[in-house]
Amino acid sequence: MEYLKATNLTFDPRMQISALVVDAYYDLIEHFKKDIMKITKALAASLLLEYFYVAVENGEVAAIVACKENKPPPVKLDKKVFVKYLGLIMGNIAYPVINKHMMEHRYPFELPARTGSIEIVATAAKYRGRGIAQDLAEHVMNALPYEDYVLEVVDTNASAIRLYQKMGFREIMRTDAPKRAGFNHFVYMKKETLCINE
């Protein structure tokens, strides 16, 4: 298994990364399931690869982690791209829903300088159960020069919360989720690193 920055791959990983992003956000976009492949293509065209890190095995993306510091989200959504891939009606319906969760949603607190934000963690179905996403996330956090890391997870994702706790994250805040979101709270977690890479 290799751990690489997505921009350093010798092949174009956009569709594979996008499929994992769609899977990670599936609960939020499942009512568009008839158009999942089209949404995957639209997101592939919207990825900012410089924020993505991947675990690769045999030329296949097994897991992804997106990490950034006080910068835009790791995707740059454009309504025109959604209309191109989904058509005028579905593009105009899907875009605001996905944009709300991926672009407009922000941390409810200021991120200090030298704080990395873990934005998306996902593993392809056939590679689950091997700890690949955890290994990739730890590789990313050891390689980047941030003093602290923060992330957001929903309260119903107990397995992810346990995993992040195992990795040294601790809960620092909860906020109420929107009505009918399918979960009660957004949980914010933080990890302080002991050594800083320059």
Protein backbone atom coordinates (compact mmCIF):
# COMPACT_ATOMS: atom_id res chain seq x y z
CA MET A 1 0.00 0.00 0.00
CA GLU A 2 1.39 3.41 -0.99
CA TYR A 3 0.39 6.70 0.66
CA LEU A 4 0.68 9.63 -1.74
CA LYS A 5 -0.54 13.13 -2.42
CA ALA A 6 -3.15 12.86 -5.17
CA THR A 7 -1.22 15.27 -7.39
CA ASN A 8 1.78 12.90 -7.33
CA LEU A 9 -0.04 9.94 -8.86
CA THR A 10 0.90 8.69 -12.32
CA PHE A 11 -2.77 8.29 -13.26
CA ASP A 12 -5.82 10.54 -13.03
CA PRO A 13 -7.55 9.59 -9.74
CA ARG A 14 -10.48 12.01 -10.01
CA MET A 15 -13.26 9.49 -10.67
CA GLN A 16 -12.03 7.09 -7.98
CA ILE A 17 -11.66 9.89 -5.42
CA SER A 18 -15.04 11.33 -6.37
CA ALA A 19 -16.71 7.93 -5.91
CA LEU A 20 -15.32 7.80 -2.36
CA VAL A 21 -16.47 11.38 -1.66
CA VAL A 22 -19.97 10.48 -2.88
CA ASP A 23 -19.94 7.40 -0.66
CA ALA A 24 -18.85 9.49 2.34
CA TYR A 25 -21.70 11.95 1.75
CA TYR A 26 -24.24 9.35 0.61
CA ASP A 27 -26.63 9.89 3.54
CA LEU A 28 -26.95 13.52 2.47
CA ILE A 29 -27.51 12.85 -1.23
CA GLU A 30 -29.22 9.45 -1.28
CA HIS A 31 -32.43 10.94 -2.71
CA PHE A 32 -30.38 11.54 -5.88
CA LYS A 33 -29.38 7.86 -6.07
CA LYS A 34 -30.66 7.53 -9.65
CA ASP A 35 -28.12 10.18 -10.61
CA ILE A 36 -25.19 9.03 -8.45
CA MET A 37 -22.89 8.37 -11.42
CA LYS A 38 -23.67 11.80 -12.87
CA ILE A 39 -23.03 13.43 -9.48
CA THR A 40 -19.78 11.47 -9.23
CA LYS A 41 -18.70 12.88 -12.60
CA ALA A 42 -19.69 16.42 -11.59
CA LEU A 43 -17.72 16.15 -8.34
CA ALA A 44 -14.74 14.65 -10.17
CA ALA A 45 -14.63 17.82 -12.27
CA SER A 46 -14.80 19.90 -9.06
CA LEU A 47 -12.04 18.31 -6.94
CA LEU A 48 -9.09 20.36 -5.75
CA LEU A 49 -6.57 17.52 -5.89
CA GLU A 50 -3.88 19.40 -3.98
CA TYR A 51 -5.82 18.80 -0.74
CA PHE A 52 -6.29 15.05 -1.24
CA TYR A 53 -4.05 12.25 -0.05
CA VAL A 54 -4.63 8.67 -1.16
CA ALA A 55 -3.77 5.12 -0.26
CA VAL A 56 -3.14 3.21 -3.49
CA GLU A 57 -2.84 -0.52 -4.11
CA ASN A 58 -2.35 -2.01 -7.57
CA GLY A 59 -3.25 1.27 -9.25
CA GLU A 60 -6.52 1.56 -7.32
CA VAL A 61 -7.46 4.24 -4.79
CA ALA A 62 -8.23 2.34 -1.59
CA ALA A 63 -8.78 5.31 0.75
CA ILE A 64 -8.72 9.09 0.80
CA VAL A 65 -8.09 11.86 3.30
CA ALA A 66 -8.55 15.54 2.50
CA CYS A 67 -6.67 18.00 4.66
CA LYS A 68 -6.25 21.77 4.47
CA GLU A 69 -5.45 24.84 6.57
CA ASN A 70 -7.99 27.68 6.61
CA LYS A 71 -8.53 27.35 2.88
CA PRO A 72 -11.57 26.65 0.72
CA PRO A 73 -13.14 23.18 0.94
CA PRO A 74 -11.38 20.45 -1.06
CA VAL A 75 -13.96 20.81 -3.84
CA LYS A 76 -14.96 23.87 -5.83
CA LEU A 77 -18.56 23.34 -6.88
CA ASP A 78 -19.97 25.10 -9.90
CA LYS A 79 -23.66 25.06 -10.81
CA LYS A 80 -22.78 25.01 -14.52
CA VAL A 81 -20.85 21.75 -14.03
CA PHE A 82 -23.85 20.15 -12.30
CA VAL A 83 -26.16 21.29 -15.10
CA LYS A 84 -23.69 19.89 -17.65
CA TYR A 85 -23.67 16.43 -16.07
CA LEU A 86 -27.19 16.20 -14.63
CA GLY A 87 -29.20 18.36 -17.01
CA LEU A 88 -30.94 21.67 -16.38
CA ILE A 89 -33.61 20.50 -13.91
CA MET A 90 -31.68 17.93 -11.85
CA GLY A 91 -28.52 20.04 -11.93
CA ASN A 92 -30.38 22.98 -10.42
CA ILE A 93 -31.94 20.72 -7.78
CA ALA A 94 -28.80 18.78 -6.79
CA TYR A 95 -26.35 21.68 -6.78
CA PRO A 96 -27.77 23.68 -3.82
CA VAL A 97 -28.22 20.54 -1.70
CA ILE A 98 -24.64 19.36 -2.20
CA ASN A 99 -23.24 22.89 -2.07
CA LYS A 100 -24.89 23.47 1.31
CA HIS A 101 -23.16 20.49 2.87
CA MET A 102 -19.80 20.67 1.11
CA MET A 103 -19.16 24.37 0.53
CA GLU A 104 -21.29 26.46 2.89
CA HIS A 105 -20.96 24.37 6.04
CA ARG A 106 -18.17 25.79 8.22
CA TYR A 107 -16.65 25.15 11.62
CA PRO A 108 -18.48 27.07 14.38
CA PHE A 109 -15.17 28.41 15.68
CA GLU A 110 -12.08 30.08 14.29
CA LEU A 111 -9.28 27.77 13.23
CA PRO A 112 -5.96 29.06 14.63
CA ALA A 113 -2.93 29.31 12.36
CA ARG A 114 -1.07 26.01 11.87
CA THR A 115 -4.24 24.00 12.40
CA GLY A 116 -5.02 21.36 9.80
CA SER A 117 -8.63 20.51 9.05
CA ILE A 118 -9.38 16.89 8.19
CA GLU A 119 -12.27 17.29 5.75
CA ILE A 120 -13.04 13.91 4.19
CA VAL A 121 -11.98 10.40 5.25
CA ALA A 122 -13.27 7.46 3.23
CA THR A 123 -12.32 3.91 2.29
CA ALA A 124 -13.44 1.94 -0.77
CA ALA A 125 -15.77 -0.92 0.21
CA LYS A 126 -13.42 -3.75 -0.81
CA TYR A 127 -10.62 -2.32 1.36
CA ARG A 128 -12.59 -1.75 4.57
CA GLY A 129 -11.63 -3.48 7.78
CA ARG A 130 -7.89 -3.19 7.17
CA GLY A 131 -7.29 0.13 8.95
CA ILE A 132 -6.15 1.78 5.72
CA ALA A 133 -7.93 5.11 6.25
CA GLN A 134 -6.52 5.34 9.78
CA ASP A 135 -2.99 4.60 8.51
CA LEU A 136 -3.41 7.16 5.72
CA ALA A 137 -4.73 9.83 8.11
CA GLU A 138 -1.84 9.23 10.50
CA HIS A 139 0.61 9.37 7.57
CA VAL A 140 -0.88 12.72 6.48
CA MET A 141 -0.78 14.18 9.99
CA ASN A 142 2.84 13.08 10.44
CA ALA A 143 3.86 14.52 7.05
CA LEU A 144 2.19 17.94 7.27
CA PRO A 145 3.53 20.83 9.40
CA TYR A 146 0.43 21.54 11.48
CA GLU A 147 0.45 21.87 15.26
CA ASP A 148 -3.13 20.70 15.69
CA TYR A 149 -5.79 18.92 13.67
CA VAL A 150 -9.57 19.31 13.84
CA LEU A 151 -12.41 17.42 12.26
CA GLU A 152 -16.18 17.16 12.25
CA VAL A 153 -18.22 13.97 12.55
CA VAL A 154 -21.92 13.34 13.17
CA ASP A 155 -22.94 11.91 16.53
CA THR A 156 -24.56 8.81 15.03
CA ASN A 157 -21.25 7.72 13.48
CA ALA A 158 -20.07 6.03 16.67
CA SER A 159 -17.47 3.86 14.94
CA ALA A 160 -15.79 6.93 13.40
CA ILE A 161 -15.81 8.72 16.77
CA ARG A 162 -14.16 5.69 18.41
CA LEU A 163 -11.59 5.55 15.62
CA TYR A 164 -10.73 9.23 15.96
CA GLN A 165 -10.45 8.86 19.75
CA LYS A 166 -8.06 5.96 19.19
CA MET A 167 -6.01 8.27 16.95
CA GLY A 168 -5.73 10.85 19.76
CA PHE A 169 -8.62 13.19 18.91
CA ARG A 170 -10.80 14.49 21.74
CA GLU A 171 -14.22 16.08 21.55
CA ILE A 172 -14.16 19.86 21.97
CA MET A 173 -17.68 20.94 20.94
CA ARG A 174 -21.11 19.81 19.74
CA THR A 175 -23.68 21.78 17.79
CA ASP A 176 -27.26 20.90 16.96
CA ALA A 177 -27.93 19.40 13.56
CA PRO A 178 -30.63 20.80 11.26
CA LYS A 179 -34.10 19.30 11.64
CA ARG A 180 -34.63 16.06 9.72
CA ALA A 181 -30.88 15.66 9.22
CA GLY A 182 -30.95 12.07 10.46
CA PHE A 183 -28.61 12.79 13.37
CA ASN A 184 -28.67 15.03 16.45
CA HIS A 185 -25.32 16.80 16.60
CA PHE A 186 -22.20 17.72 14.74
CA VAL A 187 -19.27 16.62 16.91
CA TYR A 188 -16.02 18.58 16.66
CA MET A 189 -12.79 16.87 17.64
CA LYS A 190 -9.20 18.04 17.99
CA LYS A 191 -5.78 16.41 18.10
CA GLU A 192 -2.70 18.22 19.33
CA THR A 193 0.52 16.91 17.83
CA LEU A 194 3.62 16.40 19.94
CA CYS A 195 6.18 17.08 17.24
CA ILE A 196 6.00 19.58 14.42
CA ASN A 197 7.55 18.87 11.04
CA GLU A 198 9.11 21.86 9.35
